[in-house]
Amino acid sequence: VYPPALMGIDIRRALAYLSIALGLLIFLLGTLAWFNAKLHRKETVDFWLYRFSRHPQYLGWIIWSYGLMLLAIQAPIPLGEENPGASLPWSISSLIIAS
C-alpha cells in the first residue's frame, strides 16, 4: 500500500501516463538535439539534454517503457487470475539497452 492509497486517492494511472509522456518528451528532445548537432557539423553533442545525459534517447526509452509497464500492470486479467506484472522482463530489457 502506498501513501496516497491510504487517503483513498489512486494515482497509479496518472503516474503511468506521466511516465509515458515524459519518456517520449525526453526521447524527442534528445533526437532533436542530435539532429541539430549533425546539421551544424558538430562531432560531439554537448548541449540541451546531452549536458545531463550522454544517451537521452535511451533514458527516454527506459522512462517510456517503465510507464507502459505501470499501465500494463493495471490491466485486468481474464478468468480472475492475478497479474504478475512485467518488472523482470522490463529490468532485463532496460539493462540490455543501457549497456
PDB file of N, CA and C in Angstrom:
ATOM      1  N   VAL A   1       0.861  -1.177   0.000  1.00  0.00           N
ATOM      2  CA  VAL A   1       0.000   0.000   0.000  1.00  0.00           C
ATOM      3  C   VAL A   1       0.901   1.232   0.000  1.00  0.00           C
ATOM      4  N   TYR A   2       0.610   2.149  -0.883  1.00  0.00           N
ATOM      5  CA  TYR A   2       1.390   3.375  -0.957  1.00  0.00           C
ATOM      6  C   TYR A   2       0.602   4.513  -0.303  1.00  0.00           C
ATOM      7  N   PRO A   3       1.268   5.566   0.175  1.00  0.00           N
ATOM      8  CA  PRO A   3       0.612   6.609   0.979  1.00  0.00           C
ATOM      9  C   PRO A   3      -0.637   7.244   0.362  1.00  0.00           C
ATOM     10  N   PRO A   4      -0.678   7.601  -0.947  1.00  0.00           N
ATOM     11  CA  PRO A   4      -1.931   8.185  -1.454  1.00  0.00           C
ATOM     12  C   PRO A   4      -3.117   7.222  -1.364  1.00  0.00           C
ATOM     13  N   ALA A   5      -2.854   5.911  -1.430  1.00  0.00           N
ATOM     14  CA  ALA A   5      -3.949   4.943  -1.333  1.00  0.00           C
ATOM     15  C   ALA A   5      -4.566   4.948   0.060  1.00  0.00           C
ATOM     16  N   LEU A   6      -3.794   5.299   1.055  1.00  0.00           N
ATOM     17  CA  LEU A   6      -4.330   5.380   2.411  1.00  0.00           C
ATOM     18  C   LEU A   6      -5.369   6.491   2.539  1.00  0.00           C
ATOM     19  N   MET A   7      -5.249   7.504   1.682  1.00  0.00           N
ATOM     20  CA  MET A   7      -6.217   8.601   1.690  1.00  0.00           C
ATOM     21  C   MET A   7      -7.334   8.382   0.674  1.00  0.00           C
ATOM     22  N   GLY A   8      -7.329   7.237  -0.004  1.00  0.00           N
ATOM     23  CA  GLY A   8      -8.367   6.948  -0.989  1.00  0.00           C
ATOM     24  C   GLY A   8      -8.104   7.543  -2.354  1.00  0.00           C
ATOM     25  N   ILE A   9      -6.873   7.937  -2.629  1.00  0.00           N
ATOM     26  CA  ILE A   9      -6.516   8.529  -3.915  1.00  0.00           C
ATOM     27  C   ILE A   9      -5.715   7.502  -4.704  1.00  0.00           C
ATOM     28  N   ASP A  10      -6.119   7.268  -5.946  1.00  0.00           N
ATOM     29  CA  ASP A  10      -5.401   6.315  -6.794  1.00  0.00           C
ATOM     30  C   ASP A  10      -4.664   7.089  -7.886  1.00  0.00           C
ATOM     31  N   ILE A  11      -3.354   7.157  -7.785  1.00  0.00           N
ATOM     32  CA  ILE A  11      -2.558   7.926  -8.748  1.00  0.00           C
ATOM     33  C   ILE A  11      -1.794   7.023  -9.708  1.00  0.00           C
ATOM     34  N   ARG A  12      -2.053   5.727  -9.670  1.00  0.00           N
ATOM     35  CA  ARG A  12      -1.267   4.805 -10.491  1.00  0.00           C
ATOM     36  C   ARG A  12      -1.421   5.080 -11.980  1.00  0.00           C
ATOM     37  N   ARG A  13      -2.649   5.278 -12.458  1.00  0.00           N
ATOM     38  CA  ARG A  13      -2.864   5.511 -13.886  1.00  0.00           C
ATOM     39  C   ARG A  13      -2.251   6.848 -14.307  1.00  0.00           C
ATOM     40  N   ALA A  14      -2.427   7.884 -13.501  1.00  0.00           N
ATOM     41  CA  ALA A  14      -1.848   9.189 -13.825  1.00  0.00           C
ATOM     42  C   ALA A  14      -0.326   9.116 -13.847  1.00  0.00           C
ATOM     43  N   LEU A  15       0.258   8.375 -12.916  1.00  0.00           N
ATOM     44  CA  LEU A  15       1.706   8.213 -12.879  1.00  0.00           C
ATOM     45  C   LEU A  15       2.208   7.460 -14.108  1.00  0.00           C
ATOM     46  N   ALA A  16       1.445   6.474 -14.551  1.00  0.00           N
ATOM     47  CA  ALA A  16       1.824   5.721 -15.749  1.00  0.00           C
ATOM     48  C   ALA A  16       1.807   6.629 -16.975  1.00  0.00           C
ATOM     49  N   TYR A  17       0.733   7.404 -17.142  1.00  0.00           N
ATOM     50  CA  TYR A  17       0.649   8.304 -18.296  1.00  0.00           C
ATOM     51  C   TYR A  17       1.702   9.408 -18.225  1.00  0.00           C
ATOM     52  N   LEU A  18       1.996   9.891 -17.041  1.00  0.00           N
ATOM     53  CA  LEU A  18       3.034  10.907 -16.877  1.00  0.00           C
ATOM     54  C   LEU A  18       4.401  10.349 -17.270  1.00  0.00           C
ATOM     55  N   SER A  19       4.692   9.118 -16.878  1.00  0.00           N
ATOM     56  CA  SER A  19       5.966   8.484 -17.240  1.00  0.00           C
ATOM     57  C   SER A  19       6.066   8.283 -18.744  1.00  0.00           C
ATOM     58  N   ILE A  20       4.970   7.872 -19.364  1.00  0.00           N
ATOM     59  CA  ILE A  20       4.969   7.677 -20.813  1.00  0.00           C
ATOM     60  C   ILE A  20       5.227   9.002 -21.524  1.00  0.00           C
ATOM     61  N   ALA A  21       4.525  10.054 -21.120  1.00  0.00           N
ATOM     62  CA  ALA A  21       4.694  11.363 -21.755  1.00  0.00           C
ATOM     63  C   ALA A  21       6.095  11.922 -21.524  1.00  0.00           C
ATOM     64  N   LEU A  22       6.609  11.798 -20.311  1.00  0.00           N
ATOM     65  CA  LEU A  22       7.948  12.298 -20.003  1.00  0.00           C
ATOM     66  C   LEU A  22       9.009  11.546 -20.806  1.00  0.00           C
ATOM     67  N   GLY A  23       8.857  10.237 -20.912  1.00  0.00           N
ATOM     68  CA  GLY A  23       9.804   9.445 -21.693  1.00  0.00           C
ATOM     69  C   GLY A  23       9.804   9.837 -23.158  1.00  0.00           C
ATOM     70  N   LEU A  24       8.611  10.036 -23.729  1.00  0.00           N
ATOM     71  CA  LEU A  24       8.533  10.464 -25.128  1.00  0.00           C
ATOM     72  C   LEU A  24       9.144  11.841 -25.326  1.00  0.00           C
ATOM     73  N   LEU A  25       8.894  12.747 -24.388  1.00  0.00           N
ATOM     74  CA  LEU A  25       9.454  14.094 -24.487  1.00  0.00           C
ATOM     75  C   LEU A  25      10.980  14.061 -24.435  1.00  0.00           C
ATOM     76  N   ILE A  26      11.538  13.312 -23.507  1.00  0.00           N
ATOM     77  CA  ILE A  26      12.997  13.206 -23.399  1.00  0.00           C
ATOM     78  C   ILE A  26      13.578  12.584 -24.665  1.00  0.00           C
ATOM     79  N   PHE A  27      12.937  11.542 -25.170  1.00  0.00           N
ATOM     80  CA  PHE A  27      13.417  10.894 -26.392  1.00  0.00           C
ATOM     81  C   PHE A  27      13.402  11.871 -27.566  1.00  0.00           C
ATOM     82  N   LEU A  28      12.297  12.593 -27.744  1.00  0.00           N
ATOM     83  CA  LEU A  28      12.197  13.519 -28.872  1.00  0.00           C
ATOM     84  C   LEU A  28      13.169  14.689 -28.743  1.00  0.00           C
ATOM     85  N   LEU A  29      13.319  15.248 -27.544  1.00  0.00           N
ATOM     86  CA  LEU A  29      14.265  16.352 -27.364  1.00  0.00           C
ATOM     87  C   LEU A  29      15.706  15.893 -27.580  1.00  0.00           C
ATOM     88  N   GLY A  30      16.025  14.684 -27.143  1.00  0.00           N
ATOM     89  CA  GLY A  30      17.356  14.138 -27.383  1.00  0.00           C
ATOM     90  C   GLY A  30      17.622  13.929 -28.861  1.00  0.00           C
ATOM     91  N   THR A  31      16.614  13.448 -29.578  1.00  0.00           N
ATOM     92  CA  THR A  31      16.758  13.240 -31.018  1.00  0.00           C
ATOM     93  C   THR A  31      16.912  14.571 -31.743  1.00  0.00           C
ATOM     94  N   LEU A  32      16.126  15.576 -31.345  1.00  0.00           N
ATOM     95  CA  LEU A  32      16.257  16.899 -31.961  1.00  0.00           C
ATOM     96  C   LEU A  32      17.634  17.505 -31.697  1.00  0.00           C
ATOM     97  N   ALA A  33      18.158  17.346 -30.503  1.00  0.00           N
ATOM     98  CA  ALA A  33      19.495  17.862 -30.195  1.00  0.00           C
ATOM     99  C   ALA A  33      20.545  17.167 -31.047  1.00  0.00           C
ATOM    100  N   TRP A  34      20.390  15.868 -31.230  1.00  0.00           N
ATOM    101  CA  TRP A  34      21.350  15.116 -32.044  1.00  0.00           C
ATOM    102  C   TRP A  34      21.294  15.574 -33.500  1.00  0.00           C
ATOM    103  N   PHE A  35      20.065  15.726 -34.048  1.00  0.00           N
ATOM    104  CA  PHE A  35      19.928  16.207 -35.427  1.00  0.00           C
ATOM    105  C   PHE A  35      20.481  17.617 -35.576  1.00  0.00           C
ATOM    106  N   ASN A  36      20.256  18.468 -34.592  1.00  0.00           N
ATOM    107  CA  ASN A  36      20.765  19.830 -34.638  1.00  0.00           C
ATOM    108  C   ASN A  36      22.297  19.838 -34.662  1.00  0.00           C
ATOM    109  N   ALA A  37      22.910  18.982 -33.882  1.00  0.00           N
ATOM    110  CA  ALA A  37      24.375  18.908 -33.867  1.00  0.00           C
ATOM    111  C   ALA A  37      24.906  18.410 -35.208  1.00  0.00           C
ATOM    112  N   LYS A  38      24.235  17.430 -35.787  1.00  0.00           N
ATOM    113  CA  LYS A  38      24.679  16.919 -37.089  1.00  0.00           C
ATOM    114  C   LYS A  38      24.489  17.967 -38.177  1.00  0.00           C
ATOM    115  N   LEU A  39      23.419  18.763 -38.057  1.00  0.00           N
ATOM    116  CA  LEU A  39      23.160  19.821 -39.027  1.00  0.00           C
ATOM    117  C   LEU A  39      24.249  20.889 -38.972  1.00  0.00           C
ATOM    118  N   HIS A  40      24.751  21.189 -37.778  1.00  0.00           N
ATOM    119  CA  HIS A  40      25.810  22.185 -37.604  1.00  0.00           C
ATOM    120  C   HIS A  40      27.202  21.555 -37.632  1.00  0.00           C
ATOM    121  N   ARG A  41      27.276  20.314 -38.026  1.00  0.00           N
ATOM    122  CA  ARG A  41      28.527  19.562 -38.208  1.00  0.00           C
ATOM    123  C   ARG A  41      29.393  19.517 -36.943  1.00  0.00           C
ATOM    124  N   LYS A  42      28.751  19.309 -35.812  1.00  0.00           N
ATOM    125  CA  LYS A  42      29.489  19.126 -34.558  1.00  0.00           C
ATOM    126  C   LYS A  42      29.773  17.643 -34.383  1.00  0.00           C
ATOM    127  N   GLU A  43      30.977  17.332 -33.954  1.00  0.00           N
ATOM    128  CA  GLU A  43      31.319  15.929 -33.735  1.00  0.00           C
ATOM    129  C   GLU A  43      30.765  15.414 -32.418  1.00  0.00           C
ATOM    130  N   THR A  44      30.759  16.270 -31.400  1.00  0.00           N
ATOM    131  CA  THR A  44      30.265  15.873 -30.087  1.00  0.00           C
ATOM    132  C   THR A  44      29.071  16.744 -29.723  1.00  0.00           C
ATOM    133  N   VAL A  45      27.989  16.094 -29.367  1.00  0.00           N
ATOM    134  CA  VAL A  45      26.793  16.825 -28.943  1.00  0.00           C
ATOM    135  C   VAL A  45      26.949  17.108 -27.453  1.00  0.00           C
ATOM    136  N   ASP A  46      26.959  18.396 -27.089  1.00  0.00           N
ATOM    137  CA  ASP A  46      27.189  18.746 -25.685  1.00  0.00           C
ATOM    138  C   ASP A  46      26.236  19.842 -25.192  1.00  0.00           C
ATOM    139  N   PHE A  47      25.058  19.914 -25.777  1.00  0.00           N
ATOM    140  CA  PHE A  47      24.088  20.922 -25.352  1.00  0.00           C
ATOM    141  C   PHE A  47      22.727  20.271 -25.159  1.00  0.00           C
ATOM    142  N   TRP A  48      21.779  21.058 -24.659  1.00  0.00           N
ATOM    143  CA  TRP A  48      20.426  20.624 -24.320  1.00  0.00           C
ATOM    144  C   TRP A  48      20.472  19.441 -23.375  1.00  0.00           C
ATOM    145  N   LEU A  49      19.803  18.363 -23.724  1.00  0.00           N
ATOM    146  CA  LEU A  49      19.744  17.206 -22.822  1.00  0.00           C
ATOM    147  C   LEU A  49      21.075  16.487 -22.694  1.00  0.00           C
ATOM    148  N   TYR A  50      21.944  16.664 -23.669  1.00  0.00           N
ATOM    149  CA  TYR A  50      23.235  15.983 -23.620  1.00  0.00           C
ATOM    150  C   TYR A  50      24.138  16.540 -22.520  1.00  0.00           C
ATOM    151  N   ARG A  51      23.783  17.663 -21.927  1.00  0.00           N
ATOM    152  CA  ARG A  51      24.534  18.158 -20.766  1.00  0.00           C
ATOM    153  C   ARG A  51      24.299  17.278 -19.546  1.00  0.00           C
ATOM    154  N   PHE A  52      23.126  16.655 -19.492  1.00  0.00           N
ATOM    155  CA  PHE A  52      22.736  15.876 -18.313  1.00  0.00           C
ATOM    156  C   PHE A  52      22.804  14.371 -18.536  1.00  0.00           C
ATOM    157  N   SER A  53      22.655  13.936 -19.768  1.00  0.00           N
ATOM    158  CA  SER A  53      22.637  12.504 -20.072  1.00  0.00           C
ATOM    159  C   SER A  53      23.416  12.263 -21.357  1.00  0.00           C
ATOM    160  N   ARG A  54      24.306  11.294 -21.330  1.00  0.00           N
ATOM    161  CA  ARG A  54      25.098  11.003 -22.519  1.00  0.00           C
ATOM    162  C   ARG A  54      24.242  10.360 -23.614  1.00  0.00           C
ATOM    163  N   HIS A  55      23.203   9.653 -23.220  1.00  0.00           N
ATOM    164  CA  HIS A  55      22.313   8.994 -24.178  1.00  0.00           C
ATOM    165  C   HIS A  55      20.858   9.283 -23.808  1.00  0.00           C
ATOM    166  N   PRO A  56      20.353  10.481 -24.117  1.00  0.00           N
ATOM    167  CA  PRO A  56      18.982  10.811 -23.715  1.00  0.00           C
ATOM    168  C   PRO A  56      17.919   9.967 -24.415  1.00  0.00           C
ATOM    169  N   GLN A  57      18.229   9.434 -25.609  1.00  0.00           N
ATOM    170  CA  GLN A  57      17.246   8.570 -26.263  1.00  0.00           C
ATOM    171  C   GLN A  57      17.039   7.295 -25.453  1.00  0.00           C
ATOM    172  N   TYR A  58      18.105   6.729 -24.933  1.00  0.00           N
ATOM    173  CA  TYR A  58      17.975   5.532 -24.096  1.00  0.00           C
ATOM    174  C   TYR A  58      17.233   5.859 -22.804  1.00  0.00           C
ATOM    175  N   LEU A  59      17.561   6.992 -22.207  1.00  0.00           N
ATOM    176  CA  LEU A  59      16.874   7.411 -20.985  1.00  0.00           C
ATOM    177  C   LEU A  59      15.379   7.589 -21.243  1.00  0.00           C
ATOM    178  N   GLY A  60      15.039   8.238 -22.354  1.00  0.00           N
ATOM    179  CA  GLY A  60      13.634   8.420 -22.709  1.00  0.00           C
ATOM    180  C   GLY A  60      12.930   7.103 -22.943  1.00  0.00           C
ATOM    181  N   TRP A  61      13.615   6.178 -23.611  1.00  0.00           N
ATOM    182  CA  TRP A  61      13.011   4.862 -23.859  1.00  0.00           C
ATOM    183  C   TRP A  61      12.769   4.120 -22.553  1.00  0.00           C
ATOM    184  N   ILE A  62      13.718   4.188 -21.639  1.00  0.00           N
ATOM    185  CA  ILE A  62      13.571   3.481 -20.362  1.00  0.00           C
ATOM    186  C   ILE A  62      12.408   4.069 -19.558  1.00  0.00           C
ATOM    187  N   ILE A  63      12.292   5.401 -19.497  1.00  0.00           N
ATOM    188  CA  ILE A  63      11.193   6.023 -18.751  1.00  0.00           C
ATOM    189  C   ILE A  63       9.855   5.719 -19.427  1.00  0.00           C
ATOM    190  N   TRP A  64       9.808   5.784 -20.771  1.00  0.00           N
ATOM    191  CA  TRP A  64       8.581   5.463 -21.508  1.00  0.00           C
ATOM    192  C   TRP A  64       8.159   4.017 -21.263  1.00  0.00           C
ATOM    193  N   SER A  65       9.112   3.101 -21.347  1.00  0.00           N
ATOM    194  CA  SER A  65       8.761   1.689 -21.174  1.00  0.00           C
ATOM    195  C   SER A  65       8.357   1.387 -19.732  1.00  0.00           C
ATOM    196  N   TYR A  66       8.923   2.106 -18.773  1.00  0.00           N
ATOM    197  CA  TYR A  66       8.510   1.926 -17.384  1.00  0.00           C
ATOM    198  C   TYR A  66       7.057   2.371 -17.203  1.00  0.00           C
ATOM    199  N   GLY A  67       6.692   3.494 -17.812  1.00  0.00           N
ATOM    200  CA  GLY A  67       5.301   3.945 -17.758  1.00  0.00           C
ATOM    201  C   GLY A  67       4.361   2.963 -18.424  1.00  0.00           C
ATOM    202  N   LEU A  68       4.801   2.384 -19.533  1.00  0.00           N
ATOM    203  CA  LEU A  68       3.991   1.376 -20.217  1.00  0.00           C
ATOM    204  C   LEU A  68       3.824   0.140 -19.345  1.00  0.00           C
ATOM    205  N   MET A  69       4.878  -0.238 -18.634  1.00  0.00           N
ATOM    206  CA  MET A  69       4.785  -1.380 -17.723  1.00  0.00           C
ATOM    207  C   MET A  69       3.814  -1.070 -16.583  1.00  0.00           C
ATOM    208  N   LEU A  70       3.875   0.146 -16.040  1.00  0.00           N
ATOM    209  CA  LEU A  70       2.945   0.529 -14.976  1.00  0.00           C
ATOM    210  C   LEU A  70       1.498   0.484 -15.456  1.00  0.00           C
ATOM    211  N   LEU A  71       1.280   0.863 -16.708  1.00  0.00           N
ATOM    212  CA  LEU A  71      -0.065   0.819 -17.271  1.00  0.00           C
ATOM    213  C   LEU A  71      -0.515  -0.622 -17.489  1.00  0.00           C
ATOM    214  N   ALA A  72       0.393  -1.477 -17.935  1.00  0.00           N
ATOM    215  CA  ALA A  72       0.045  -2.879 -18.196  1.00  0.00           C
ATOM    216  C   ALA A  72      -0.264  -3.636 -16.907  1.00  0.00           C
ATOM    217  N   ILE A  73       0.372  -3.263 -15.820  1.00  0.00           N
ATOM    218  CA  ILE A  73       0.128  -3.938 -14.547  1.00  0.00           C
ATOM    219  C   ILE A  73      -1.322  -3.748 -14.100  1.00  0.00           C
ATOM    220  N   GLN A  74      -1.920  -2.623 -14.476  1.00  0.00           N
ATOM    221  CA  GLN A  74      -3.277  -2.319 -14.045  1.00  0.00           C
ATOM    222  C   GLN A  74      -4.345  -2.984 -14.905  1.00  0.00           C
ATOM    223  N   ALA A  75      -3.945  -3.601 -16.010  1.00  0.00           N
ATOM    224  CA  ALA A  75      -4.915  -4.227 -16.911  1.00  0.00           C
ATOM    225  C   ALA A  75      -5.538  -5.452 -16.249  1.00  0.00           C
ATOM    226  N   PRO A  76      -6.842  -5.626 -16.421  1.00  0.00           N
ATOM    227  CA  PRO A  76      -7.478  -6.816 -15.837  1.00  0.00           C
ATOM    228  C   PRO A  76      -7.050  -8.080 -16.575  1.00  0.00           C
ATOM    229  N   ILE A  77      -6.933  -9.148 -15.845  1.00  0.00           N
ATOM    230  CA  ILE A  77      -6.535 -10.436 -16.399  1.00  0.00           C
ATOM    231  C   ILE A  77      -7.791 -11.303 -16.528  1.00  0.00           C
ATOM    232  N   PRO A  78      -7.982 -11.963 -17.680  1.00  0.00           N
ATOM    233  CA  PRO A  78      -9.162 -12.808 -17.842  1.00  0.00           C
ATOM    234  C   PRO A  78      -9.180 -13.965 -16.839  1.00  0.00           C
ATOM    235  N   LEU A  79     -10.349 -14.450 -16.547  1.00  0.00           N
ATOM    236  CA  LEU A  79     -10.585 -15.589 -15.665  1.00  0.00           C
ATOM    237  C   LEU A  79     -10.197 -15.301 -14.216  1.00  0.00           C
ATOM    238  N   GLY A  80     -10.076 -14.041 -13.858  1.00  0.00           N
ATOM    239  CA  GLY A  80      -9.827 -13.682 -12.467  1.00  0.00           C
ATOM    240  C   GLY A  80      -8.449 -14.027 -11.945  1.00  0.00           C
ATOM    241  N   GLU A  81      -7.499 -14.280 -12.814  1.00  0.00           N
ATOM    242  CA  GLU A  81      -6.142 -14.595 -12.372  1.00  0.00           C
ATOM    243  C   GLU A  81      -5.460 -13.341 -11.842  1.00  0.00           C
ATOM    244  N   GLU A  82      -4.349 -13.530 -11.191  1.00  0.00           N
ATOM    245  CA  GLU A  82      -3.567 -12.421 -10.641  1.00  0.00           C
ATOM    246  C   GLU A  82      -2.588 -11.928 -11.701  1.00  0.00           C
ATOM    247  N   ASN A  83      -2.434 -10.616 -11.829  1.00  0.00           N
ATOM    248  CA  ASN A  83      -1.499 -10.029 -12.783  1.00  0.00           C
ATOM    249  C   ASN A  83      -0.110 -10.010 -12.152  1.00  0.00           C
ATOM    250  N   PRO A  84       0.828 -10.790 -12.700  1.00  0.00           N
ATOM    251  CA  PRO A  84       2.155 -10.844 -12.090  1.00  0.00           C
ATOM    252  C   PRO A  84       3.006  -9.616 -12.373  1.00  0.00           C
ATOM    253  N   GLY A  85       2.574  -8.774 -13.303  1.00  0.00           N
ATOM    254  CA  GLY A  85       3.377  -7.616 -13.653  1.00  0.00           C
ATOM    255  C   GLY A  85       4.457  -7.986 -14.652  1.00  0.00           C
ATOM    256  N   ALA A  86       5.236  -7.023 -15.007  1.00  0.00           N
ATOM    257  CA  ALA A  86       6.258  -7.252 -16.018  1.00  0.00           C
ATOM    258  C   ALA A  86       7.591  -6.671 -15.583  1.00  0.00           C
ATOM    259  N   SER A  87       7.854  -6.641 -14.292  1.00  0.00           N
ATOM    260  CA  SER A  87       9.059  -5.963 -13.826  1.00  0.00           C
ATOM    261  C   SER A  87      10.341  -6.693 -14.203  1.00  0.00           C
ATOM    262  N   LEU A  88      10.363  -8.006 -14.187  1.00  0.00           N
ATOM    263  CA  LEU A  88      11.589  -8.718 -14.552  1.00  0.00           C
ATOM    264  C   LEU A  88      11.919  -8.551 -16.034  1.00  0.00           C
ATOM    265  N   PRO A  89      10.973  -8.783 -16.966  1.00  0.00           N
ATOM    266  CA  PRO A  89      11.313  -8.533 -18.376  1.00  0.00           C
ATOM    267  C   PRO A  89      11.702  -7.083 -18.632  1.00  0.00           C
ATOM    268  N   TRP A  90      11.036  -6.139 -17.935  1.00  0.00           N
ATOM    269  CA  TRP A  90      11.386  -4.735 -18.118  1.00  0.00           C
ATOM    270  C   TRP A  90      12.810  -4.474 -17.627  1.00  0.00           C
ATOM    271  N   SER A  91      13.162  -5.010 -16.470  1.00  0.00           N
ATOM    272  CA  SER A  91      14.506  -4.808 -15.921  1.00  0.00           C
ATOM    273  C   SER A  91      15.570  -5.376 -16.846  1.00  0.00           C
ATOM    274  N   ILE A  92      15.334  -6.560 -17.357  1.00  0.00           N
ATOM    275  CA  ILE A  92      16.312  -7.193 -18.249  1.00  0.00           C
ATOM    276  C   ILE A  92      16.464  -6.386 -19.532  1.00  0.00           C
ATOM    277  N   SER A  93      15.350  -5.985 -20.149  1.00  0.00           N
ATOM    278  CA  SER A  93      15.457  -5.227 -21.400  1.00  0.00           C
ATOM    279  C   SER A  93      16.101  -3.865 -21.168  1.00  0.00           C
ATOM    280  N   SER A  94      15.824  -3.228 -20.042  1.00  0.00           N
ATOM    281  CA  SER A  94      16.445  -1.933 -19.752  1.00  0.00           C
ATOM    282  C   SER A  94      17.945  -2.066 -19.533  1.00  0.00           C
ATOM    283  N   LEU A  95      18.357  -3.119 -18.861  1.00  0.00           N
ATOM    284  CA  LEU A  95      19.790  -3.336 -18.660  1.00  0.00           C
ATOM    285  C   LEU A  95      20.498  -3.648 -19.971  1.00  0.00           C
ATOM    286  N   ILE A  96      19.833  -4.370 -20.859  1.00  0.00           N
ATOM    287  CA  ILE A  96      20.430  -4.668 -22.167  1.00  0.00           C
ATOM    288  C   ILE A  96      20.572  -3.391 -22.979  1.00  0.00           C
ATOM    289  N   ILE A  97      19.535  -2.548 -22.982  1.00  0.00           N
ATOM    290  CA  ILE A  97      19.579  -1.296 -23.736  1.00  0.00           C
ATOM    291  C   ILE A  97      20.643  -0.359 -23.173  1.00  0.00           C
ATOM    292  N   ALA A  98      20.740  -0.281 -21.857  1.00  0.00           N
ATOM    293  CA  ALA A  98      21.657   0.668 -21.219  1.00  0.00           C
ATOM    294  C   ALA A  98      23.116   0.229 -21.288  1.00  0.00           C
ATOM    295  N   SER A  99      23.363  -1.045 -21.513  1.00  0.00           N
ATOM    296  CA  SER A  99      24.768  -1.492 -21.520  1.00  0.00           C
ATOM    297  C   SER A  99      25.427  -1.337 -22.862  1.00  0.00           C
TER     298      SER A  99
END
